Amino acid sequence: MEPGPGSWGIRYQAGFTPWDLGTAHPALADRLERDPSLGRGEPGRAFVPGAGRGWDAIALAAAGWQVTAIDFAAGITERLPEEMATSGVDYLAGDAFAFTGESFDLIYDYTFFCAIPPRLRPEVGVMAERLLTPTGRFVAVVYPIGKDPASGGPPYGVTVEDYSVALGNGFELVESADPSCLPGKGFEHALSVWLRL
């Protein structure tokens, strides 16, 4: 059975959130330190689906982005870090696939793609087509690289190519770091950037 809002909420309530680093992902933090605009020239509007407790959304906001973050875990808005209150992030409880609204210059993902069943991955491309501006970019910390897809999930094993397939021909991979592994994590990650064509 696929995890739904209730089961994700139970994980947060129980503190069983091994994906939650308690801070922004170091790959994102390092990239923002070198270039707060993530290659755009200046920060714009960012959308963070499956934002969890919002650490990466907070980091993006601190770098100058106007951030809308969303997660459908039950009770998630009651478990956000104190920093969220002053971050300027617009945090919503809901389904990222159902979100409608203004366009974004950036969609950022760390653990959204790997948490959804592989059959739903094309919906990420549909979401990106709907929400990104014509010059928008999709930035992801691709994780967990190297996990056997047959082992199930979540998290489901992913590759940079899996994202490229889901995003489709309307996006071009323009940057992908060499995979590396955080201490204590069993799988690798790679920060990757796709531009909308």
N, C-alpha and C. Protein backbone atom coordinates (compact mmCIF):
# COMPACT_ATOMS: atom_id res chain seq x y z
N MET A 1 0.84 -1.19 0.00
CA MET A 1 0.00 0.00 0.00
C MET A 1 0.88 1.25 0.00
N GLU A 2 0.53 2.22 -0.85
CA GLU A 2 1.33 3.43 -0.97
C GLU A 2 1.08 4.36 0.20
N PRO A 3 2.13 5.00 0.72
CA PRO A 3 1.95 5.93 1.82
C PRO A 3 1.08 7.12 1.39
N GLY A 4 0.17 7.51 2.29
CA GLY A 4 -0.66 8.67 2.05
C GLY A 4 -0.38 9.72 3.10
N PRO A 5 -1.18 10.80 3.11
CA PRO A 5 -0.94 11.88 4.09
C PRO A 5 -0.90 11.39 5.53
N GLY A 6 -1.80 10.44 5.87
CA GLY A 6 -1.84 9.95 7.24
C GLY A 6 -0.59 9.20 7.64
N SER A 7 -0.13 8.31 6.76
CA SER A 7 1.05 7.51 7.10
C SER A 7 2.31 8.38 7.16
N TRP A 8 2.43 9.38 6.28
CA TRP A 8 3.57 10.30 6.37
C TRP A 8 3.48 11.11 7.66
N GLY A 9 2.26 11.51 8.02
CA GLY A 9 2.08 12.26 9.27
C GLY A 9 2.50 11.46 10.48
N ILE A 10 2.19 10.17 10.48
CA ILE A 10 2.58 9.29 11.59
C ILE A 10 4.10 9.22 11.70
N ARG A 11 4.79 9.18 10.58
CA ARG A 11 6.26 9.15 10.60
C ARG A 11 6.82 10.40 11.25
N TYR A 12 6.26 11.56 10.89
CA TYR A 12 6.73 12.80 11.51
C TYR A 12 6.40 12.82 13.00
N GLN A 13 5.21 12.38 13.36
CA GLN A 13 4.80 12.38 14.76
C GLN A 13 5.70 11.47 15.59
N ALA A 14 6.10 10.34 15.00
CA ALA A 14 6.95 9.38 15.70
C ALA A 14 8.43 9.76 15.65
N GLY A 15 8.77 10.76 14.87
CA GLY A 15 10.17 11.14 14.73
C GLY A 15 10.96 10.21 13.83
N PHE A 16 10.25 9.38 13.03
CA PHE A 16 10.93 8.47 12.11
C PHE A 16 11.05 9.16 10.75
N THR A 17 12.02 10.06 10.65
CA THR A 17 12.22 10.85 9.44
C THR A 17 13.70 10.88 9.07
N PRO A 18 14.25 9.73 8.66
CA PRO A 18 15.69 9.68 8.38
C PRO A 18 16.12 10.59 7.23
N TRP A 19 15.18 11.03 6.39
CA TRP A 19 15.51 11.94 5.29
C TRP A 19 15.67 13.38 5.77
N ASP A 20 15.14 13.68 6.97
CA ASP A 20 15.18 15.05 7.52
C ASP A 20 16.55 15.28 8.14
N LEU A 21 17.34 16.16 7.53
CA LEU A 21 18.71 16.41 7.99
C LEU A 21 18.77 17.44 9.10
N GLY A 22 17.66 18.09 9.42
CA GLY A 22 17.66 19.11 10.45
C GLY A 22 18.29 20.41 9.99
N THR A 23 18.58 20.49 8.71
CA THR A 23 19.17 21.67 8.08
C THR A 23 19.00 21.50 6.58
N ALA A 24 19.30 22.53 5.82
CA ALA A 24 19.25 22.40 4.37
C ALA A 24 20.25 21.34 3.90
N HIS A 25 19.92 20.67 2.82
CA HIS A 25 20.86 19.69 2.27
C HIS A 25 22.16 20.40 1.92
N PRO A 26 23.31 19.85 2.34
CA PRO A 26 24.59 20.51 2.08
C PRO A 26 24.84 20.82 0.61
N ALA A 27 24.36 19.97 -0.30
CA ALA A 27 24.57 20.24 -1.73
C ALA A 27 23.86 21.51 -2.14
N LEU A 28 22.65 21.72 -1.63
CA LEU A 28 21.93 22.96 -1.92
C LEU A 28 22.59 24.14 -1.23
N ALA A 29 22.92 23.98 0.04
CA ALA A 29 23.54 25.08 0.80
C ALA A 29 24.84 25.54 0.14
N ASP A 30 25.67 24.59 -0.29
CA ASP A 30 26.93 24.94 -0.94
C ASP A 30 26.69 25.68 -2.25
N ARG A 31 25.72 25.20 -3.02
CA ARG A 31 25.41 25.83 -4.31
C ARG A 31 24.88 27.25 -4.11
N LEU A 32 24.00 27.44 -3.10
CA LEU A 32 23.46 28.76 -2.82
C LEU A 32 24.54 29.72 -2.34
N GLU A 33 25.51 29.21 -1.60
CA GLU A 33 26.61 30.05 -1.13
C GLU A 33 27.43 30.58 -2.31
N ARG A 34 27.63 29.73 -3.31
CA ARG A 34 28.40 30.13 -4.49
C ARG A 34 27.58 30.98 -5.44
N ASP A 35 26.28 30.68 -5.53
CA ASP A 35 25.40 31.39 -6.48
C ASP A 35 23.97 31.36 -5.97
N PRO A 36 23.55 32.39 -5.21
CA PRO A 36 22.20 32.40 -4.65
C PRO A 36 21.09 32.30 -5.71
N SER A 37 21.40 32.70 -6.95
CA SER A 37 20.37 32.68 -8.00
C SER A 37 20.26 31.33 -8.69
N LEU A 38 21.14 30.40 -8.36
CA LEU A 38 21.17 29.07 -9.00
C LEU A 38 21.25 29.19 -10.52
N GLY A 39 22.07 30.14 -10.97
CA GLY A 39 22.32 30.29 -12.39
C GLY A 39 21.39 31.23 -13.13
N ARG A 40 20.41 31.82 -12.45
CA ARG A 40 19.44 32.70 -13.10
C ARG A 40 19.94 34.13 -13.24
N GLY A 41 20.93 34.52 -12.47
CA GLY A 41 21.34 35.91 -12.44
C GLY A 41 20.78 36.65 -11.24
N GLU A 42 19.56 36.29 -10.86
CA GLU A 42 18.93 36.82 -9.65
C GLU A 42 17.87 35.83 -9.18
N PRO A 43 17.64 35.73 -7.88
CA PRO A 43 16.59 34.84 -7.39
C PRO A 43 15.22 35.31 -7.88
N GLY A 44 14.30 34.38 -7.96
CA GLY A 44 12.92 34.69 -8.36
C GLY A 44 11.95 33.97 -7.45
N ARG A 45 10.92 33.40 -8.07
CA ARG A 45 9.90 32.66 -7.31
C ARG A 45 10.21 31.16 -7.39
N ALA A 46 10.17 30.49 -6.23
CA ALA A 46 10.52 29.07 -6.16
C ALA A 46 9.37 28.26 -5.57
N PHE A 47 9.21 27.05 -6.07
CA PHE A 47 8.21 26.10 -5.59
C PHE A 47 8.94 24.86 -5.09
N VAL A 48 8.62 24.43 -3.86
CA VAL A 48 9.27 23.27 -3.26
C VAL A 48 8.20 22.23 -2.91
N PRO A 49 7.99 21.22 -3.79
CA PRO A 49 7.02 20.16 -3.49
C PRO A 49 7.61 19.15 -2.51
N GLY A 50 6.75 18.55 -1.70
CA GLY A 50 7.23 17.56 -0.73
C GLY A 50 8.27 18.15 0.19
N ALA A 51 7.97 19.35 0.71
CA ALA A 51 8.97 20.15 1.43
C ALA A 51 9.33 19.62 2.81
N GLY A 52 8.58 18.65 3.32
CA GLY A 52 8.88 18.15 4.66
C GLY A 52 8.81 19.28 5.67
N ARG A 53 9.79 19.36 6.56
CA ARG A 53 9.81 20.40 7.58
C ARG A 53 10.35 21.73 7.04
N GLY A 54 10.75 21.75 5.78
CA GLY A 54 11.02 23.02 5.12
C GLY A 54 12.43 23.57 5.19
N TRP A 55 13.41 22.74 5.55
CA TRP A 55 14.77 23.25 5.70
C TRP A 55 15.31 23.83 4.39
N ASP A 56 15.09 23.14 3.28
CA ASP A 56 15.60 23.64 2.00
C ASP A 56 14.83 24.88 1.56
N ALA A 57 13.53 24.92 1.84
CA ALA A 57 12.73 26.10 1.52
C ALA A 57 13.24 27.32 2.29
N ILE A 58 13.59 27.13 3.55
CA ILE A 58 14.13 28.22 4.36
C ILE A 58 15.45 28.72 3.78
N ALA A 59 16.31 27.79 3.35
CA ALA A 59 17.60 28.17 2.76
C ALA A 59 17.41 28.96 1.47
N LEU A 60 16.46 28.55 0.65
CA LEU A 60 16.18 29.28 -0.58
C LEU A 60 15.69 30.69 -0.26
N ALA A 61 14.79 30.81 0.72
CA ALA A 61 14.28 32.12 1.10
C ALA A 61 15.40 33.01 1.63
N ALA A 62 16.31 32.45 2.41
CA ALA A 62 17.43 33.22 2.94
C ALA A 62 18.35 33.71 1.83
N ALA A 63 18.36 32.99 0.70
CA ALA A 63 19.18 33.38 -0.44
C ALA A 63 18.47 34.39 -1.34
N GLY A 64 17.25 34.78 -0.97
CA GLY A 64 16.55 35.81 -1.72
C GLY A 64 15.38 35.34 -2.56
N TRP A 65 15.09 34.05 -2.55
CA TRP A 65 13.97 33.53 -3.33
C TRP A 65 12.64 33.78 -2.60
N GLN A 66 11.57 34.00 -3.37
CA GLN A 66 10.21 34.02 -2.84
C GLN A 66 9.70 32.59 -2.95
N VAL A 67 9.51 31.93 -1.81
CA VAL A 67 9.31 30.48 -1.80
C VAL A 67 7.90 30.10 -1.39
N THR A 68 7.31 29.21 -2.19
CA THR A 68 6.09 28.52 -1.82
C THR A 68 6.47 27.06 -1.63
N ALA A 69 6.22 26.53 -0.43
CA ALA A 69 6.53 25.13 -0.12
C ALA A 69 5.24 24.40 0.18
N ILE A 70 5.20 23.12 -0.13
CA ILE A 70 3.98 22.34 0.08
C ILE A 70 4.32 20.90 0.46
N ASP A 71 3.52 20.33 1.34
CA ASP A 71 3.67 18.91 1.70
C ASP A 71 2.29 18.41 2.13
N PHE A 72 2.00 17.13 1.83
CA PHE A 72 0.68 16.63 2.19
C PHE A 72 0.67 15.73 3.43
N ALA A 73 1.80 15.64 4.15
CA ALA A 73 1.84 14.84 5.38
C ALA A 73 0.86 15.45 6.40
N ALA A 74 0.02 14.61 6.97
CA ALA A 74 -0.97 15.08 7.94
C ALA A 74 -0.26 15.75 9.12
N GLY A 75 -0.71 16.94 9.49
CA GLY A 75 -0.17 17.64 10.64
C GLY A 75 1.20 18.25 10.42
N ILE A 76 1.67 18.32 9.17
CA ILE A 76 3.04 18.78 8.93
C ILE A 76 3.24 20.23 9.37
N THR A 77 2.23 21.08 9.22
CA THR A 77 2.42 22.49 9.56
C THR A 77 2.60 22.69 11.06
N GLU A 78 2.26 21.69 11.86
CA GLU A 78 2.47 21.76 13.31
C GLU A 78 3.89 21.34 13.69
N ARG A 79 4.66 20.84 12.71
CA ARG A 79 6.00 20.32 13.00
C ARG A 79 7.10 21.06 12.26
N LEU A 80 6.81 22.27 11.87
CA LEU A 80 7.81 23.07 11.16
C LEU A 80 8.80 23.67 12.14
N PRO A 81 10.04 23.87 11.71
CA PRO A 81 11.04 24.47 12.61
C PRO A 81 10.68 25.92 12.94
N GLU A 82 11.18 26.40 14.06
CA GLU A 82 10.90 27.77 14.49
C GLU A 82 11.31 28.78 13.42
N GLU A 83 12.37 28.49 12.69
CA GLU A 83 12.86 29.40 11.66
C GLU A 83 11.83 29.68 10.58
N MET A 84 10.88 28.77 10.39
CA MET A 84 9.89 28.94 9.34
C MET A 84 9.06 30.21 9.57
N ALA A 85 8.79 30.54 10.83
CA ALA A 85 7.93 31.67 11.16
C ALA A 85 8.49 32.99 10.64
N THR A 86 9.80 33.12 10.57
CA THR A 86 10.41 34.38 10.15
C THR A 86 11.10 34.27 8.79
N SER A 87 10.93 33.15 8.11
CA SER A 87 11.66 32.91 6.86
C SER A 87 11.04 33.61 5.66
N GLY A 88 9.75 33.90 5.74
CA GLY A 88 9.05 34.44 4.58
C GLY A 88 8.52 33.38 3.64
N VAL A 89 8.74 32.11 3.95
CA VAL A 89 8.23 31.01 3.12
C VAL A 89 6.72 30.91 3.28
N ASP A 90 6.02 30.79 2.16
CA ASP A 90 4.58 30.52 2.16
C ASP A 90 4.44 28.99 2.17
N TYR A 91 4.14 28.44 3.35
CA TYR A 91 4.10 26.99 3.51
C TYR A 91 2.64 26.52 3.48
N LEU A 92 2.34 25.56 2.61
CA LEU A 92 0.99 25.06 2.43
C LEU A 92 0.91 23.57 2.74
N ALA A 93 -0.20 23.15 3.33
CA ALA A 93 -0.48 21.73 3.50
C ALA A 93 -1.35 21.31 2.33
N GLY A 94 -0.86 20.37 1.52
CA GLY A 94 -1.64 19.94 0.38
C GLY A 94 -0.84 19.09 -0.58
N ASP A 95 -1.49 18.75 -1.69
CA ASP A 95 -0.92 17.87 -2.71
C ASP A 95 -0.23 18.71 -3.77
N ALA A 96 1.06 18.53 -3.94
CA ALA A 96 1.82 19.31 -4.92
C ALA A 96 1.28 19.11 -6.33
N PHE A 97 0.82 17.92 -6.66
CA PHE A 97 0.31 17.65 -8.00
C PHE A 97 -0.98 18.42 -8.28
N ALA A 98 -1.71 18.77 -7.23
CA ALA A 98 -2.97 19.48 -7.41
C ALA A 98 -2.81 20.99 -7.29
N PHE A 99 -1.60 21.47 -6.99
CA PHE A 99 -1.39 22.90 -6.78
C PHE A 99 -1.57 23.66 -8.09
N THR A 100 -2.31 24.76 -8.01
CA THR A 100 -2.45 25.67 -9.14
C THR A 100 -2.20 27.08 -8.62
N GLY A 101 -1.71 27.92 -9.47
CA GLY A 101 -1.43 29.28 -9.06
C GLY A 101 -0.47 29.91 -10.03
N GLU A 102 0.19 30.96 -9.56
CA GLU A 102 1.10 31.68 -10.44
C GLU A 102 2.31 30.83 -10.82
N SER A 103 3.02 31.29 -11.83
CA SER A 103 4.17 30.56 -12.33
C SER A 103 5.40 30.79 -11.45
N PHE A 104 6.33 29.86 -11.53
CA PHE A 104 7.57 29.90 -10.76
C PHE A 104 8.77 29.88 -11.69
N ASP A 105 9.86 30.46 -11.20
CA ASP A 105 11.12 30.44 -11.93
C ASP A 105 11.94 29.19 -11.61
N LEU A 106 11.57 28.53 -10.51
CA LEU A 106 12.33 27.38 -10.03
C LEU A 106 11.40 26.38 -9.36
N ILE A 107 11.59 25.11 -9.67
CA ILE A 107 11.06 24.03 -8.84
C ILE A 107 12.28 23.33 -8.26
N TYR A 108 12.27 23.16 -6.94
CA TYR A 108 13.39 22.50 -6.26
C TYR A 108 12.89 21.23 -5.58
N ASP A 109 13.66 20.15 -5.72
CA ASP A 109 13.28 18.87 -5.10
C ASP A 109 14.48 18.20 -4.44
N TYR A 110 14.22 17.68 -3.25
CA TYR A 110 15.21 16.79 -2.62
C TYR A 110 14.61 15.41 -2.42
N THR A 111 13.47 15.30 -1.77
CA THR A 111 12.94 13.95 -1.49
C THR A 111 11.51 13.74 -1.98
N PHE A 112 11.02 14.60 -2.85
CA PHE A 112 9.67 14.42 -3.40
C PHE A 112 9.65 13.29 -4.43
N PHE A 113 10.55 13.38 -5.40
CA PHE A 113 10.57 12.42 -6.51
C PHE A 113 10.81 11.00 -6.01
N CYS A 114 11.71 10.83 -5.06
CA CYS A 114 12.03 9.47 -4.59
C CYS A 114 10.96 8.92 -3.65
N ALA A 115 10.04 9.78 -3.19
CA ALA A 115 8.99 9.32 -2.27
C ALA A 115 7.75 8.85 -3.01
N ILE A 116 7.58 9.29 -4.26
CA ILE A 116 6.38 8.90 -5.00
C ILE A 116 6.62 7.59 -5.73
N PRO A 117 5.58 6.77 -5.90
CA PRO A 117 5.76 5.53 -6.66
C PRO A 117 6.23 5.84 -8.08
N PRO A 118 7.13 5.03 -8.64
CA PRO A 118 7.65 5.30 -9.97
C PRO A 118 6.58 5.52 -11.04
N ARG A 119 5.42 4.90 -10.89
CA ARG A 119 4.36 5.08 -11.90
C ARG A 119 3.86 6.52 -11.94
N LEU A 120 4.09 7.29 -10.85
CA LEU A 120 3.64 8.68 -10.81
C LEU A 120 4.70 9.67 -11.28
N ARG A 121 5.87 9.20 -11.61
CA ARG A 121 6.94 10.12 -11.99
C ARG A 121 6.59 11.01 -13.18
N PRO A 122 5.86 10.52 -14.20
CA PRO A 122 5.50 11.43 -15.29
C PRO A 122 4.70 12.65 -14.80
N GLU A 123 4.02 12.52 -13.67
CA GLU A 123 3.27 13.66 -13.13
C GLU A 123 4.19 14.80 -12.71
N VAL A 124 5.44 14.49 -12.39
CA VAL A 124 6.40 15.54 -12.06
C VAL A 124 6.64 16.40 -13.29
N GLY A 125 6.75 15.78 -14.45
CA GLY A 125 6.91 16.53 -15.69
C GLY A 125 5.69 17.38 -16.00
N VAL A 126 4.51 16.82 -15.77
CA VAL A 126 3.27 17.58 -15.99
C VAL A 126 3.24 18.79 -15.06
N MET A 127 3.60 18.59 -13.80
CA MET A 127 3.63 19.68 -12.82
C MET A 127 4.63 20.76 -13.25
N ALA A 128 5.82 20.34 -13.70
CA ALA A 128 6.84 21.30 -14.11
C ALA A 128 6.37 22.09 -15.33
N GLU A 129 5.75 21.44 -16.29
CA GLU A 129 5.23 22.14 -17.47
C GLU A 129 4.18 23.17 -17.07
N ARG A 130 3.35 22.82 -16.10
CA ARG A 130 2.25 23.70 -15.68
C ARG A 130 2.74 24.89 -14.86
N LEU A 131 3.72 24.66 -13.99
CA LEU A 131 4.08 25.68 -13.00
C LEU A 131 5.29 26.54 -13.36
N LEU A 132 6.19 26.05 -14.20
CA LEU A 132 7.40 26.81 -14.49
C LEU A 132 7.18 27.85 -15.59
N THR A 133 7.84 28.99 -15.43
CA THR A 133 7.85 30.01 -16.47
C THR A 133 8.59 29.46 -17.69
N PRO A 134 8.46 30.13 -18.84
CA PRO A 134 9.15 29.64 -20.06
C PRO A 134 10.67 29.55 -19.90
N THR A 135 11.25 30.32 -18.98
CA THR A 135 12.70 30.25 -18.77
C THR A 135 13.03 29.60 -17.43
N GLY A 136 12.07 28.84 -16.89
CA GLY A 136 12.25 28.25 -15.57
C GLY A 136 13.25 27.11 -15.56
N ARG A 137 13.64 26.74 -14.34
CA ARG A 137 14.58 25.64 -14.17
C ARG A 137 14.09 24.71 -13.08
N PHE A 138 14.47 23.45 -13.21
CA PHE A 138 14.15 22.41 -12.24
C PHE A 138 15.48 21.99 -11.62
N VAL A 139 15.62 22.17 -10.32
CA VAL A 139 16.85 21.82 -9.61
C VAL A 139 16.52 20.73 -8.61
N ALA A 140 17.32 19.68 -8.61
CA ALA A 140 17.08 18.56 -7.69
C ALA A 140 18.36 18.05 -7.08
N VAL A 141 18.29 17.70 -5.81
CA VAL A 141 19.32 16.87 -5.21
C VAL A 141 18.83 15.44 -5.43
N VAL A 142 19.33 14.82 -6.49
CA VAL A 142 18.89 13.48 -6.89
C VAL A 142 19.37 12.48 -5.85
N TYR A 143 18.43 11.74 -5.26
CA TYR A 143 18.73 10.82 -4.16
C TYR A 143 17.59 9.82 -4.05
N PRO A 144 17.82 8.56 -3.74
CA PRO A 144 19.07 7.86 -3.48
C PRO A 144 19.63 7.20 -4.75
N ILE A 145 20.75 7.68 -5.20
CA ILE A 145 21.43 7.10 -6.36
C ILE A 145 22.12 5.81 -5.91
N GLY A 146 21.92 4.75 -6.68
CA GLY A 146 22.56 3.47 -6.38
C GLY A 146 21.66 2.50 -5.64
N LYS A 147 20.47 2.93 -5.25
CA LYS A 147 19.55 2.00 -4.60
C LYS A 147 18.88 1.14 -5.67
N ASP A 148 18.84 -0.14 -5.45
CA ASP A 148 18.25 -1.09 -6.40
C ASP A 148 16.77 -0.78 -6.56
N PRO A 149 16.31 -0.47 -7.79
CA PRO A 149 14.90 -0.18 -8.00
C PRO A 149 13.98 -1.32 -7.57
N ALA A 150 14.50 -2.55 -7.64
CA ALA A 150 13.69 -3.71 -7.27
C ALA A 150 13.45 -3.80 -5.77
N SER A 151 14.19 -3.02 -4.97
CA SER A 151 14.04 -3.09 -3.52
C SER A 151 12.85 -2.30 -3.00
N GLY A 152 12.15 -1.61 -3.90
CA GLY A 152 10.95 -0.88 -3.50
C GLY A 152 11.27 0.42 -2.78
N GLY A 153 10.28 0.91 -2.07
CA GLY A 153 10.44 2.18 -1.38
C GLY A 153 9.15 2.54 -0.66
N PRO A 154 9.00 3.74 -0.22
CA PRO A 154 9.96 4.83 -0.37
C PRO A 154 11.10 4.76 0.64
N PRO A 155 12.24 5.37 0.32
CA PRO A 155 12.52 6.04 -0.94
C PRO A 155 12.79 5.02 -2.04
N TYR A 156 12.35 5.35 -3.24
CA TYR A 156 12.62 4.53 -4.41
C TYR A 156 13.95 4.97 -5.02
N GLY A 157 14.73 4.00 -5.48
CA GLY A 157 15.98 4.33 -6.12
C GLY A 157 15.76 5.19 -7.35
N VAL A 158 16.60 6.19 -7.55
CA VAL A 158 16.47 7.08 -8.69
C VAL A 158 17.83 7.36 -9.32
N THR A 159 17.77 7.82 -10.55
CA THR A 159 18.96 8.28 -11.26
C THR A 159 18.66 9.66 -11.85
N VAL A 160 19.70 10.35 -12.28
CA VAL A 160 19.52 11.63 -12.97
C VAL A 160 18.68 11.41 -14.22
N GLU A 161 18.92 10.30 -14.90
CA GLU A 161 18.16 9.99 -16.12
C GLU A 161 16.68 9.81 -15.83
N ASP A 162 16.32 9.25 -14.66
CA ASP A 162 14.91 9.11 -14.31
C ASP A 162 14.21 10.47 -14.29
N TYR A 163 14.89 11.47 -13.74
CA TYR A 163 14.33 12.82 -13.75
C TYR A 163 14.18 13.33 -15.19
N SER A 164 15.22 13.13 -15.99
CA SER A 164 15.18 13.61 -17.37
C SER A 164 14.01 12.99 -18.13
N VAL A 165 13.79 11.70 -17.93
CA VAL A 165 12.66 11.02 -18.58
C VAL A 165 11.34 11.61 -18.11
N ALA A 166 11.20 11.81 -16.81
CA ALA A 166 9.95 12.35 -16.26
C ALA A 166 9.69 13.77 -16.74
N LEU A 167 10.74 14.59 -16.84
CA LEU A 167 10.57 15.97 -17.28
C LEU A 167 10.27 16.05 -18.77
N GLY A 168 10.78 15.13 -19.54
CA GLY A 168 10.46 15.06 -20.96
C GLY A 168 11.31 15.96 -21.83
N ASN A 169 10.92 16.05 -23.10
CA ASN A 169 11.71 16.75 -24.10
C ASN A 169 11.70 18.26 -23.95
N GLY A 170 10.86 18.77 -23.08
CA GLY A 170 10.80 20.22 -22.88
C GLY A 170 11.85 20.74 -21.93
N PHE A 171 12.73 19.85 -21.43
CA PHE A 171 13.77 20.25 -20.49
C PHE A 171 15.11 19.69 -20.92
N GLU A 172 16.16 20.43 -20.62
CA GLU A 172 17.52 19.99 -20.93
C GLU A 172 18.36 19.98 -19.67
N LEU A 173 19.04 18.86 -19.43
CA LEU A 173 19.97 18.76 -18.30
C LEU A 173 21.20 19.59 -18.63
N VAL A 174 21.47 20.61 -17.80
CA VAL A 174 22.60 21.50 -18.08
C VAL A 174 23.70 21.43 -17.02
N GLU A 175 23.42 20.75 -15.93
CA GLU A 175 24.41 20.64 -14.85
C GLU A 175 24.09 19.42 -14.01
N SER A 176 25.11 18.65 -13.67
CA SER A 176 24.93 17.53 -12.76
C SER A 176 26.26 17.25 -12.06
N ALA A 177 26.26 17.41 -10.76
CA ALA A 177 27.48 17.20 -9.98
C ALA A 177 27.84 15.72 -9.95
N ASP A 178 29.10 15.43 -9.68
CA ASP A 178 29.50 14.05 -9.47
C ASP A 178 28.79 13.53 -8.23
N PRO A 179 28.26 12.31 -8.28
CA PRO A 179 27.59 11.76 -7.10
C PRO A 179 28.52 11.69 -5.90
N SER A 180 27.97 11.99 -4.74
CA SER A 180 28.72 11.88 -3.49
C SER A 180 27.77 11.44 -2.40
N CYS A 181 28.32 11.12 -1.24
CA CYS A 181 27.51 10.56 -0.16
C CYS A 181 27.74 11.34 1.12
N LEU A 182 26.66 11.67 1.83
CA LEU A 182 26.78 12.32 3.12
C LEU A 182 27.19 11.29 4.17
N PRO A 183 27.91 11.69 5.20
CA PRO A 183 28.26 10.76 6.28
C PRO A 183 27.01 10.13 6.88
N GLY A 184 27.03 8.83 7.03
CA GLY A 184 25.90 8.12 7.63
C GLY A 184 24.79 7.78 6.67
N LYS A 185 24.88 8.22 5.44
CA LYS A 185 23.86 7.90 4.44
C LYS A 185 24.39 6.79 3.54
N GLY A 186 23.54 5.84 3.23
CA GLY A 186 23.99 4.68 2.47
C GLY A 186 24.03 4.87 0.97
N PHE A 187 23.43 5.95 0.48
CA PHE A 187 23.35 6.13 -0.97
C PHE A 187 23.85 7.52 -1.35
N GLU A 188 24.19 7.65 -2.63
CA GLU A 188 24.74 8.90 -3.11
C GLU A 188 23.66 9.87 -3.55
N HIS A 189 24.08 11.13 -3.71
CA HIS A 189 23.20 12.19 -4.23
C HIS A 189 24.00 12.99 -5.26
N ALA A 190 23.28 13.74 -6.09
CA ALA A 190 23.93 14.62 -7.06
C ALA A 190 23.01 15.80 -7.36
N LEU A 191 23.49 17.01 -7.10
CA LEU A 191 22.69 18.19 -7.44
C LEU A 191 22.70 18.36 -8.96
N SER A 192 21.51 18.46 -9.54
CA SER A 192 21.37 18.51 -10.99
C SER A 192 20.39 19.62 -11.36
N VAL A 193 20.61 20.21 -12.55
CA VAL A 193 19.82 21.35 -13.01
C VAL A 193 19.32 21.09 -14.43
N TRP A 194 18.01 21.29 -14.63
CA TRP A 194 17.40 21.21 -15.95
C TRP A 194 16.82 22.57 -16.31
N LEU A 195 17.00 23.01 -17.55
CA LEU A 195 16.41 24.24 -18.03
C LEU A 195 15.21 23.91 -18.92
N ARG A 196 14.18 24.72 -18.80
CA ARG A 196 13.04 24.56 -19.70
C ARG A 196 13.42 25.10 -21.08
N LEU A 197 13.10 24.36 -22.12
CA LEU A 197 13.46 24.76 -23.49
C LEU A 197 12.36 25.61 -24.11
